[in-house]
Amino acid sequence: MEIIQNQFRSSWDDNEETKPDAIDLQMLKEIEEDPECHEKIP
């Protein structure tokens, strides 16, 4: 992650933070409720 942040620092800084929309919230809810999303794969 550090390489990406250093390599593309200016483009990261230009991105505006936005609030999640209905689709984002739905995906987050599904991730929280799906037990398979919390399993670690070796």
PDB file of N, CA and C in Angstrom:
ATOM      1  N   MET A   1       0.830  -1.196   0.000  1.00  0.00           N
ATOM      2  CA  MET A   1       0.000   0.000   0.000  1.00  0.00           C
ATOM      3  C   MET A   1       0.872   1.257   0.000  1.00  0.00           C
ATOM      4  N   GLU A   2       1.983   1.185   0.731  1.00  0.00           N
ATOM      5  CA  GLU A   2       2.863   2.351   0.813  1.00  0.00           C
ATOM      6  C   GLU A   2       3.414   2.727  -0.565  1.00  0.00           C
ATOM      7  N   ILE A   3       3.747   1.721  -1.351  1.00  0.00           N
ATOM      8  CA  ILE A   3       4.264   1.976  -2.700  1.00  0.00           C
ATOM      9  C   ILE A   3       3.203   2.701  -3.533  1.00  0.00           C
ATOM     10  N   ILE A   4       1.983   2.238  -3.442  1.00  0.00           N
ATOM     11  CA  ILE A   4       0.897   2.869  -4.204  1.00  0.00           C
ATOM     12  C   ILE A   4       0.702   4.308  -3.745  1.00  0.00           C
ATOM     13  N   GLN A   5       0.677   4.519  -2.426  1.00  0.00           N
ATOM     14  CA  GLN A   5       0.481   5.867  -1.907  1.00  0.00           C
ATOM     15  C   GLN A   5       1.614   6.806  -2.324  1.00  0.00           C
ATOM     16  N   ASN A   6       2.841   6.312  -2.295  1.00  0.00           N
ATOM     17  CA  ASN A   6       3.978   7.149  -2.691  1.00  0.00           C
ATOM     18  C   ASN A   6       4.010   7.389  -4.191  1.00  0.00           C
ATOM     19  N   GLN A   7       3.696   6.374  -4.961  1.00  0.00           N
ATOM     20  CA  GLN A   7       3.751   6.472  -6.418  1.00  0.00           C
ATOM     21  C   GLN A   7       2.654   7.383  -6.972  1.00  0.00           C
ATOM     22  N   PHE A   8       1.498   7.339  -6.354  1.00  0.00           N
ATOM     23  CA  PHE A   8       0.344   8.066  -6.881  1.00  0.00           C
ATOM     24  C   PHE A   8      -0.171   9.109  -5.894  1.00  0.00           C
ATOM     25  N   ARG A   9       0.714   9.667  -5.099  1.00  0.00           N
ATOM     26  CA  ARG A   9       0.337  10.598  -4.036  1.00  0.00           C
ATOM     27  C   ARG A   9      -0.558  11.724  -4.549  1.00  0.00           C
ATOM     28  N   SER A  10      -0.198  12.369  -5.624  1.00  0.00           N
ATOM     29  CA  SER A  10      -0.973  13.520  -6.092  1.00  0.00           C
ATOM     30  C   SER A  10      -2.387  13.124  -6.503  1.00  0.00           C
ATOM     31  N   SER A  11      -2.535  11.976  -7.150  1.00  0.00           N
ATOM     32  CA  SER A  11      -3.884  11.565  -7.558  1.00  0.00           C
ATOM     33  C   SER A  11      -4.732  11.175  -6.350  1.00  0.00           C
ATOM     34  N   TRP A  12      -4.097  10.604  -5.298  1.00  0.00           N
ATOM     35  CA  TRP A  12      -4.848  10.283  -4.077  1.00  0.00           C
ATOM     36  C   TRP A  12      -5.315  11.562  -3.400  1.00  0.00           C
ATOM     37  N   ASP A  13      -4.467  12.568  -3.353  1.00  0.00           N
ATOM     38  CA  ASP A  13      -4.804  13.822  -2.680  1.00  0.00           C
ATOM     39  C   ASP A  13      -5.908  14.575  -3.399  1.00  0.00           C
ATOM     40  N   ASP A  14      -6.038  14.373  -4.703  1.00  0.00           N
ATOM     41  CA  ASP A  14      -7.057  15.071  -5.482  1.00  0.00           C
ATOM     42  C   ASP A  14      -8.445  14.449  -5.346  1.00  0.00           C
ATOM     43  N   ASN A  15      -8.520  13.232  -4.826  1.00  0.00           N
ATOM     44  CA  ASN A  15      -9.811  12.564  -4.700  1.00  0.00           C
ATOM     45  C   ASN A  15     -10.597  13.153  -3.545  1.00  0.00           C
ATOM     46  N   GLU A  16     -11.845  13.467  -3.831  1.00  0.00           N
ATOM     47  CA  GLU A  16     -12.730  14.009  -2.817  1.00  0.00           C
ATOM     48  C   GLU A  16     -13.453  12.865  -2.104  1.00  0.00           C
ATOM     49  N   GLU A  17     -13.518  12.936  -0.793  1.00  0.00           N
ATOM     50  CA  GLU A  17     -14.204  11.895  -0.038  1.00  0.00           C
ATOM     51  C   GLU A  17     -15.709  12.134  -0.127  1.00  0.00           C
ATOM     52  N   THR A  18     -16.444  11.076  -0.416  1.00  0.00           N
ATOM     53  CA  THR A  18     -17.893  11.193  -0.531  1.00  0.00           C
ATOM     54  C   THR A  18     -18.569  10.228   0.432  1.00  0.00           C
ATOM     55  N   LYS A  19     -19.818  10.519   0.727  1.00  0.00           N
ATOM     56  CA  LYS A  19     -20.587   9.642   1.599  1.00  0.00           C
ATOM     57  C   LYS A  19     -21.050   8.430   0.792  1.00  0.00           C
ATOM     58  N   PRO A  20     -21.167   7.275   1.453  1.00  0.00           N
ATOM     59  CA  PRO A  20     -21.632   6.081   0.724  1.00  0.00           C
ATOM     60  C   PRO A  20     -23.080   6.246   0.290  1.00  0.00           C
ATOM     61  N   ASP A  21     -23.381   5.737  -0.904  1.00  0.00           N
ATOM     62  CA  ASP A  21     -24.760   5.780  -1.381  1.00  0.00           C
ATOM     63  C   ASP A  21     -25.482   4.493  -0.979  1.00  0.00           C
ATOM     64  N   ALA A  22     -26.704   4.321  -1.425  1.00  0.00           N
ATOM     65  CA  ALA A  22     -27.525   3.171  -1.041  1.00  0.00           C
ATOM     66  C   ALA A  22     -26.870   1.846  -1.457  1.00  0.00           C
ATOM     67  N   ILE A  23     -26.262   1.811  -2.620  1.00  0.00           N
ATOM     68  CA  ILE A  23     -25.612   0.584  -3.099  1.00  0.00           C
ATOM     69  C   ILE A  23     -24.413   0.248  -2.214  1.00  0.00           C
ATOM     70  N   ASP A  24     -23.615   1.256  -1.875  1.00  0.00           N
ATOM     71  CA  ASP A  24     -22.468   1.028  -0.981  1.00  0.00           C
ATOM     72  C   ASP A  24     -22.931   0.469   0.362  1.00  0.00           C
ATOM     73  N   LEU A  25     -23.958   1.069   0.928  1.00  0.00           N
ATOM     74  CA  LEU A  25     -24.475   0.621   2.223  1.00  0.00           C
ATOM     75  C   LEU A  25     -25.024  -0.800   2.144  1.00  0.00           C
ATOM     76  N   GLN A  26     -25.678  -1.126   1.041  1.00  0.00           N
ATOM     77  CA  GLN A  26     -26.206  -2.477   0.856  1.00  0.00           C
ATOM     78  C   GLN A  26     -25.067  -3.493   0.786  1.00  0.00           C
ATOM     79  N   MET A  27     -24.012  -3.165   0.049  1.00  0.00           N
ATOM     80  CA  MET A  27     -22.867  -4.076  -0.054  1.00  0.00           C
ATOM     81  C   MET A  27     -22.205  -4.271   1.305  1.00  0.00           C
ATOM     82  N   LEU A  28     -22.035  -3.199   2.066  1.00  0.00           N
ATOM     83  CA  LEU A  28     -21.433  -3.312   3.390  1.00  0.00           C
ATOM     84  C   LEU A  28     -22.277  -4.176   4.319  1.00  0.00           C
ATOM     85  N   LYS A  29     -23.594  -4.023   4.243  1.00  0.00           N
ATOM     86  CA  LYS A  29     -24.496  -4.830   5.070  1.00  0.00           C
ATOM     87  C   LYS A  29     -24.372  -6.310   4.701  1.00  0.00           C
ATOM     88  N   GLU A  30     -24.330  -6.606   3.400  1.00  0.00           N
ATOM     89  CA  GLU A  30     -24.203  -7.989   2.954  1.00  0.00           C
ATOM     90  C   GLU A  30     -22.870  -8.592   3.400  1.00  0.00           C
ATOM     91  N   ILE A  31     -21.815  -7.808   3.364  1.00  0.00           N
ATOM     92  CA  ILE A  31     -20.507  -8.289   3.812  1.00  0.00           C
ATOM     93  C   ILE A  31     -20.545  -8.603   5.298  1.00  0.00           C
ATOM     94  N   GLU A  32     -21.141  -7.725   6.086  1.00  0.00           N
ATOM     95  CA  GLU A  32     -21.219  -7.932   7.531  1.00  0.00           C
ATOM     96  C   GLU A  32     -22.039  -9.178   7.887  1.00  0.00           C
ATOM     97  N   GLU A  33     -23.083  -9.451   7.109  1.00  0.00           N
ATOM     98  CA  GLU A  33     -23.993 -10.545   7.424  1.00  0.00           C
ATOM     99  C   GLU A  33     -23.566 -11.890   6.844  1.00  0.00           C
ATOM    100  N   ASP A  34     -22.643 -11.888   5.890  1.00  0.00           N
ATOM    101  CA  ASP A  34     -22.222 -13.124   5.231  1.00  0.00           C
ATOM    102  C   ASP A  34     -21.014 -13.712   5.964  1.00  0.00           C
ATOM    103  N   PRO A  35     -21.188 -14.851   6.629  1.00  0.00           N
ATOM    104  CA  PRO A  35     -20.079 -15.433   7.377  1.00  0.00           C
ATOM    105  C   PRO A  35     -18.867 -15.795   6.504  1.00  0.00           C
ATOM    106  N   GLU A  36     -19.092 -16.086   5.236  1.00  0.00           N
ATOM    107  CA  GLU A  36     -17.984 -16.429   4.344  1.00  0.00           C
ATOM    108  C   GLU A  36     -17.050 -15.240   4.114  1.00  0.00           C
ATOM    109  N   CYS A  37     -17.550 -14.031   4.298  1.00  0.00           N
ATOM    110  CA  CYS A  37     -16.719 -12.851   4.126  1.00  0.00           C
ATOM    111  C   CYS A  37     -15.752 -12.657   5.286  1.00  0.00           C
ATOM    112  N   HIS A  38     -15.946 -13.406   6.351  1.00  0.00           N
ATOM    113  CA  HIS A  38     -15.104 -13.253   7.527  1.00  0.00           C
ATOM    114  C   HIS A  38     -14.148 -14.426   7.716  1.00  0.00           C
ATOM    115  N   GLU A  39     -14.125 -15.343   6.754  1.00  0.00           N
ATOM    116  CA  GLU A  39     -13.226 -16.482   6.814  1.00  0.00           C
ATOM    117  C   GLU A  39     -11.905 -16.137   6.152  1.00  0.00           C
ATOM    118  N   LYS A  40     -10.830 -16.608   6.744  1.00  0.00           N
ATOM    119  CA  LYS A  40      -9.513 -16.408   6.141  1.00  0.00           C
ATOM    120  C   LYS A  40      -9.187 -17.637   5.306  1.00  0.00           C
ATOM    121  N   ILE A  41      -8.692 -17.378   4.123  1.00  0.00           N
ATOM    122  CA  ILE A  41      -8.305 -18.451   3.215  1.00  0.00           C
ATOM    123  C   ILE A  41      -6.799 -18.643   3.329  1.00  0.00           C
ATOM    124  N   PRO A  42      -6.352 -19.873   3.580  1.00  0.00           N
ATOM    125  CA  PRO A  42      -4.906 -20.091   3.727  1.00  0.00           C
ATOM    126  C   PRO A  42      -4.140 -19.856   2.456  1.00  0.00           C
TER     127      PRO A  42
END
